[in-house]
Amino acid sequence: MDLVQQIAMVLAVFALLGGLLWLMRRRGSLQLSGRRSSARLEVLERVPLTPHHALHLVRIAGKVVLIGTAPSACTLLDQTSVEAGAQQDLLRTS
């Protein structure tokens, strides 16, 4: 096999992979944007305390959790089960 045939084979493989990627994205089987319509994790608010420390209010699977982050640790500070309507009230009061 000469060099031209090898390059043509590599280009053919890349074309097949590109076509498969395009087809999967078009059918909805693959999402590369990071956003999902049924996201179970949502960052509600982030408050930086210092350049390396912050508080994060996160909603995950029907719960709202308050997490403190530092360079060496991540600590769960509070956790509340909240109904969908009451979540809005919780955010308005905080």
N, C-alpha and C. Protein backbone atom coordinates (compact mmCIF):
# COMPACT_ATOMS: atom_id res chain seq x y z
N MET A 1 0.84 -1.17 0.00
CA MET A 1 0.00 0.00 0.00
C MET A 1 0.89 1.24 0.00
N ASP A 2 0.59 2.14 -0.85
CA ASP A 2 1.41 3.34 -0.87
C ASP A 2 0.80 4.42 0.02
N LEU A 3 1.50 5.51 0.15
CA LEU A 3 1.13 6.59 1.06
C LEU A 3 -0.22 7.22 0.72
N VAL A 4 -0.52 7.37 -0.56
CA VAL A 4 -1.77 7.99 -0.98
C VAL A 4 -2.97 7.13 -0.54
N GLN A 5 -2.85 5.83 -0.65
CA GLN A 5 -3.94 4.95 -0.23
C GLN A 5 -4.14 4.99 1.29
N GLN A 6 -3.06 5.07 2.02
CA GLN A 6 -3.17 5.15 3.49
C GLN A 6 -3.86 6.44 3.91
N ILE A 7 -3.49 7.54 3.28
CA ILE A 7 -4.12 8.83 3.61
C ILE A 7 -5.61 8.78 3.24
N ALA A 8 -5.93 8.18 2.10
CA ALA A 8 -7.33 8.07 1.68
C ALA A 8 -8.13 7.23 2.67
N MET A 9 -7.54 6.17 3.19
CA MET A 9 -8.23 5.32 4.17
C MET A 9 -8.49 6.09 5.47
N VAL A 10 -7.51 6.84 5.94
CA VAL A 10 -7.67 7.63 7.16
C VAL A 10 -8.76 8.67 6.97
N LEU A 11 -8.76 9.35 5.82
CA LEU A 11 -9.80 10.34 5.54
C LEU A 11 -11.18 9.68 5.46
N ALA A 12 -11.27 8.49 4.91
CA ALA A 12 -12.54 7.77 4.84
C ALA A 12 -13.05 7.43 6.23
N VAL A 13 -12.17 7.00 7.12
CA VAL A 13 -12.56 6.69 8.50
C VAL A 13 -13.06 7.94 9.20
N PHE A 14 -12.35 9.07 9.04
CA PHE A 14 -12.80 10.32 9.65
C PHE A 14 -14.15 10.75 9.09
N ALA A 15 -14.37 10.57 7.80
CA ALA A 15 -15.65 10.92 7.19
C ALA A 15 -16.77 10.05 7.76
N LEU A 16 -16.51 8.76 7.94
CA LEU A 16 -17.52 7.88 8.53
C LEU A 16 -17.83 8.27 9.98
N LEU A 17 -16.80 8.58 10.75
CA LEU A 17 -17.02 9.00 12.14
C LEU A 17 -17.79 10.32 12.20
N GLY A 18 -17.44 11.25 11.32
CA GLY A 18 -18.16 12.52 11.28
C GLY A 18 -19.62 12.33 10.90
N GLY A 19 -19.88 11.46 9.93
CA GLY A 19 -21.26 11.18 9.53
C GLY A 19 -22.05 10.52 10.65
N LEU A 20 -21.43 9.62 11.37
CA LEU A 20 -22.09 8.96 12.50
C LEU A 20 -22.39 9.97 13.61
N LEU A 21 -21.45 10.86 13.90
CA LEU A 21 -21.67 11.90 14.90
C LEU A 21 -22.82 12.80 14.50
N TRP A 22 -22.86 13.23 13.24
CA TRP A 22 -23.92 14.09 12.75
C TRP A 22 -25.28 13.39 12.88
N LEU A 23 -25.33 12.11 12.50
CA LEU A 23 -26.58 11.34 12.57
C LEU A 23 -27.05 11.18 14.01
N MET A 24 -26.14 10.90 14.93
CA MET A 24 -26.52 10.73 16.33
C MET A 24 -27.02 12.03 16.93
N ARG A 25 -26.39 13.15 16.60
CA ARG A 25 -26.85 14.44 17.11
C ARG A 25 -28.21 14.80 16.53
N ARG A 26 -28.43 14.49 15.28
CA ARG A 26 -29.69 14.81 14.63
C ARG A 26 -30.85 13.99 15.22
N ARG A 27 -30.59 12.74 15.56
CA ARG A 27 -31.63 11.88 16.12
C ARG A 27 -31.82 12.13 17.62
N GLY A 28 -30.98 12.91 18.25
CA GLY A 28 -31.13 13.20 19.67
C GLY A 28 -30.44 12.20 20.57
N SER A 29 -29.68 11.29 20.01
CA SER A 29 -29.00 10.28 20.82
C SER A 29 -27.76 10.83 21.49
N LEU A 30 -27.28 11.97 21.00
CA LEU A 30 -26.04 12.53 21.52
C LEU A 30 -26.21 14.03 21.69
N GLN A 31 -25.87 14.54 22.88
CA GLN A 31 -25.91 15.98 23.13
C GLN A 31 -24.55 16.39 23.63
N LEU A 32 -23.92 17.33 22.92
CA LEU A 32 -22.59 17.77 23.29
C LEU A 32 -22.60 19.12 24.00
N SER A 33 -23.74 19.78 24.06
CA SER A 33 -23.79 21.12 24.63
C SER A 33 -23.74 21.13 26.15
N GLY A 34 -24.00 20.00 26.80
CA GLY A 34 -23.98 19.96 28.26
C GLY A 34 -25.33 20.27 28.87
N ARG A 35 -26.25 20.82 28.12
CA ARG A 35 -27.58 21.11 28.62
C ARG A 35 -28.52 19.97 28.27
N ARG A 36 -29.32 19.57 29.22
CA ARG A 36 -30.30 18.52 28.99
C ARG A 36 -31.65 19.04 29.44
N SER A 37 -32.67 18.63 28.76
CA SER A 37 -34.00 19.11 29.10
C SER A 37 -34.48 18.53 30.43
N SER A 38 -34.00 17.36 30.81
CA SER A 38 -34.43 16.75 32.06
C SER A 38 -33.29 16.74 33.07
N ALA A 39 -32.62 17.87 33.21
CA ALA A 39 -31.48 17.95 34.12
C ALA A 39 -31.95 17.74 35.55
N ARG A 40 -31.27 16.87 36.27
CA ARG A 40 -31.59 16.61 37.66
C ARG A 40 -30.76 17.46 38.59
N LEU A 41 -29.73 18.11 38.09
CA LEU A 41 -28.84 18.92 38.90
C LEU A 41 -28.87 20.35 38.37
N GLU A 42 -29.15 21.30 39.26
CA GLU A 42 -29.22 22.70 38.86
C GLU A 42 -28.56 23.56 39.93
N VAL A 43 -27.60 24.38 39.53
CA VAL A 43 -26.97 25.31 40.46
C VAL A 43 -27.88 26.53 40.54
N LEU A 44 -28.44 26.76 41.72
CA LEU A 44 -29.37 27.86 41.91
C LEU A 44 -28.63 29.17 42.17
N GLU A 45 -27.57 29.08 42.96
CA GLU A 45 -26.81 30.29 43.30
C GLU A 45 -25.42 29.92 43.79
N ARG A 46 -24.46 30.81 43.53
CA ARG A 46 -23.10 30.63 44.02
C ARG A 46 -22.66 31.95 44.64
N VAL A 47 -22.13 31.87 45.86
CA VAL A 47 -21.66 33.06 46.56
C VAL A 47 -20.18 32.86 46.89
N PRO A 48 -19.29 33.62 46.24
CA PRO A 48 -17.87 33.49 46.59
C PRO A 48 -17.59 34.15 47.93
N LEU A 49 -16.84 33.46 48.78
CA LEU A 49 -16.47 34.00 50.09
C LEU A 49 -15.06 34.58 50.06
N THR A 50 -14.15 33.83 49.48
CA THR A 50 -12.78 34.26 49.24
C THR A 50 -12.43 33.76 47.83
N PRO A 51 -11.25 34.04 47.33
CA PRO A 51 -10.91 33.52 45.99
C PRO A 51 -10.95 31.99 45.90
N HIS A 52 -10.82 31.28 47.03
CA HIS A 52 -10.78 29.83 47.00
C HIS A 52 -11.93 29.15 47.75
N HIS A 53 -12.83 29.92 48.32
CA HIS A 53 -13.94 29.37 49.10
C HIS A 53 -15.26 29.95 48.59
N ALA A 54 -16.30 29.10 48.55
CA ALA A 54 -17.59 29.57 48.06
C ALA A 54 -18.71 28.72 48.66
N LEU A 55 -19.91 29.28 48.62
CA LEU A 55 -21.13 28.55 48.99
C LEU A 55 -21.93 28.32 47.71
N HIS A 56 -22.48 27.11 47.57
CA HIS A 56 -23.27 26.75 46.39
C HIS A 56 -24.63 26.25 46.86
N LEU A 57 -25.70 26.83 46.31
CA LEU A 57 -27.05 26.36 46.55
C LEU A 57 -27.45 25.56 45.32
N VAL A 58 -27.69 24.26 45.51
CA VAL A 58 -27.90 23.33 44.39
C VAL A 58 -29.20 22.57 44.59
N ARG A 59 -29.96 22.42 43.49
CA ARG A 59 -31.15 21.58 43.52
C ARG A 59 -30.81 20.27 42.82
N ILE A 60 -31.04 19.17 43.50
CA ILE A 60 -30.77 17.86 42.92
C ILE A 60 -31.85 16.88 43.36
N ALA A 61 -32.51 16.28 42.41
CA ALA A 61 -33.51 15.23 42.65
C ALA A 61 -34.53 15.61 43.71
N GLY A 62 -35.12 16.80 43.61
CA GLY A 62 -36.16 17.20 44.54
C GLY A 62 -35.67 17.72 45.87
N LYS A 63 -34.38 17.91 46.03
CA LYS A 63 -33.81 18.44 47.26
C LYS A 63 -32.99 19.68 46.94
N VAL A 64 -32.92 20.57 47.90
CA VAL A 64 -32.06 21.74 47.79
C VAL A 64 -30.96 21.58 48.83
N VAL A 65 -29.71 21.65 48.40
CA VAL A 65 -28.59 21.46 49.30
C VAL A 65 -27.68 22.69 49.26
N LEU A 66 -27.10 22.99 50.40
CA LEU A 66 -26.12 24.06 50.52
C LEU A 66 -24.77 23.41 50.73
N ILE A 67 -23.83 23.72 49.84
CA ILE A 67 -22.51 23.09 49.86
C ILE A 67 -21.46 24.17 50.00
N GLY A 68 -20.51 23.95 50.88
CA GLY A 68 -19.36 24.83 51.03
C GLY A 68 -18.16 24.18 50.35
N THR A 69 -17.46 24.96 49.51
CA THR A 69 -16.30 24.42 48.81
C THR A 69 -15.04 25.16 49.21
N ALA A 70 -13.96 24.41 49.27
CA ALA A 70 -12.62 24.92 49.57
C ALA A 70 -11.64 24.14 48.70
N PRO A 71 -10.41 24.58 48.59
CA PRO A 71 -9.45 23.85 47.75
C PRO A 71 -9.26 22.39 48.17
N SER A 72 -9.39 22.10 49.44
CA SER A 72 -9.12 20.74 49.90
C SER A 72 -10.37 19.94 50.25
N ALA A 73 -11.56 20.56 50.20
CA ALA A 73 -12.75 19.85 50.63
C ALA A 73 -14.02 20.44 50.05
N CYS A 74 -15.07 19.65 50.12
CA CYS A 74 -16.41 20.05 49.75
C CYS A 74 -17.32 19.53 50.87
N THR A 75 -18.07 20.44 51.52
CA THR A 75 -18.82 20.06 52.71
C THR A 75 -20.30 20.35 52.52
N LEU A 76 -21.14 19.36 52.85
CA LEU A 76 -22.58 19.53 52.84
C LEU A 76 -22.97 20.28 54.11
N LEU A 77 -23.53 21.48 53.96
CA LEU A 77 -23.87 22.31 55.12
C LEU A 77 -25.34 22.19 55.51
N ASP A 78 -26.23 22.03 54.52
CA ASP A 78 -27.65 21.92 54.82
C ASP A 78 -28.34 21.21 53.66
N GLN A 79 -29.45 20.53 53.97
CA GLN A 79 -30.20 19.78 52.97
C GLN A 79 -31.66 19.88 53.30
N THR A 80 -32.49 20.19 52.30
CA THR A 80 -33.92 20.34 52.53
C THR A 80 -34.68 19.70 51.39
N SER A 81 -35.69 18.90 51.71
CA SER A 81 -36.62 18.40 50.69
C SER A 81 -37.70 19.44 50.53
N VAL A 82 -37.90 19.87 49.28
CA VAL A 82 -38.82 20.96 49.03
C VAL A 82 -39.71 20.58 47.86
N GLU A 83 -40.99 20.92 47.97
CA GLU A 83 -41.92 20.73 46.85
C GLU A 83 -41.61 21.77 45.79
N ALA A 84 -42.08 21.54 44.56
CA ALA A 84 -41.78 22.42 43.43
C ALA A 84 -42.24 23.85 43.69
N GLY A 85 -43.44 24.04 44.23
CA GLY A 85 -43.95 25.38 44.50
C GLY A 85 -43.21 26.05 45.64
N ALA A 86 -42.82 25.29 46.65
CA ALA A 86 -42.15 25.84 47.80
C ALA A 86 -40.70 26.20 47.48
N GLN A 87 -40.11 25.62 46.43
CA GLN A 87 -38.74 25.95 46.06
C GLN A 87 -38.64 27.41 45.67
N GLN A 88 -39.63 27.91 44.96
CA GLN A 88 -39.61 29.32 44.56
C GLN A 88 -39.69 30.22 45.79
N ASP A 89 -40.51 29.85 46.78
CA ASP A 89 -40.61 30.63 48.01
C ASP A 89 -39.28 30.63 48.76
N LEU A 90 -38.61 29.48 48.79
CA LEU A 90 -37.32 29.37 49.45
C LEU A 90 -36.31 30.31 48.80
N LEU A 91 -36.29 30.36 47.48
CA LEU A 91 -35.34 31.22 46.78
C LEU A 91 -35.66 32.69 46.97
N ARG A 92 -36.94 33.04 47.05
CA ARG A 92 -37.31 34.45 47.24
C ARG A 92 -36.92 34.95 48.63
N THR A 93 -36.97 34.08 49.64
CA THR A 93 -36.67 34.50 50.99
C THR A 93 -35.17 34.51 51.27
N SER A 94 -34.39 33.83 50.44
CA SER A 94 -32.94 33.78 50.71
C SER A 94 -32.20 34.88 50.02
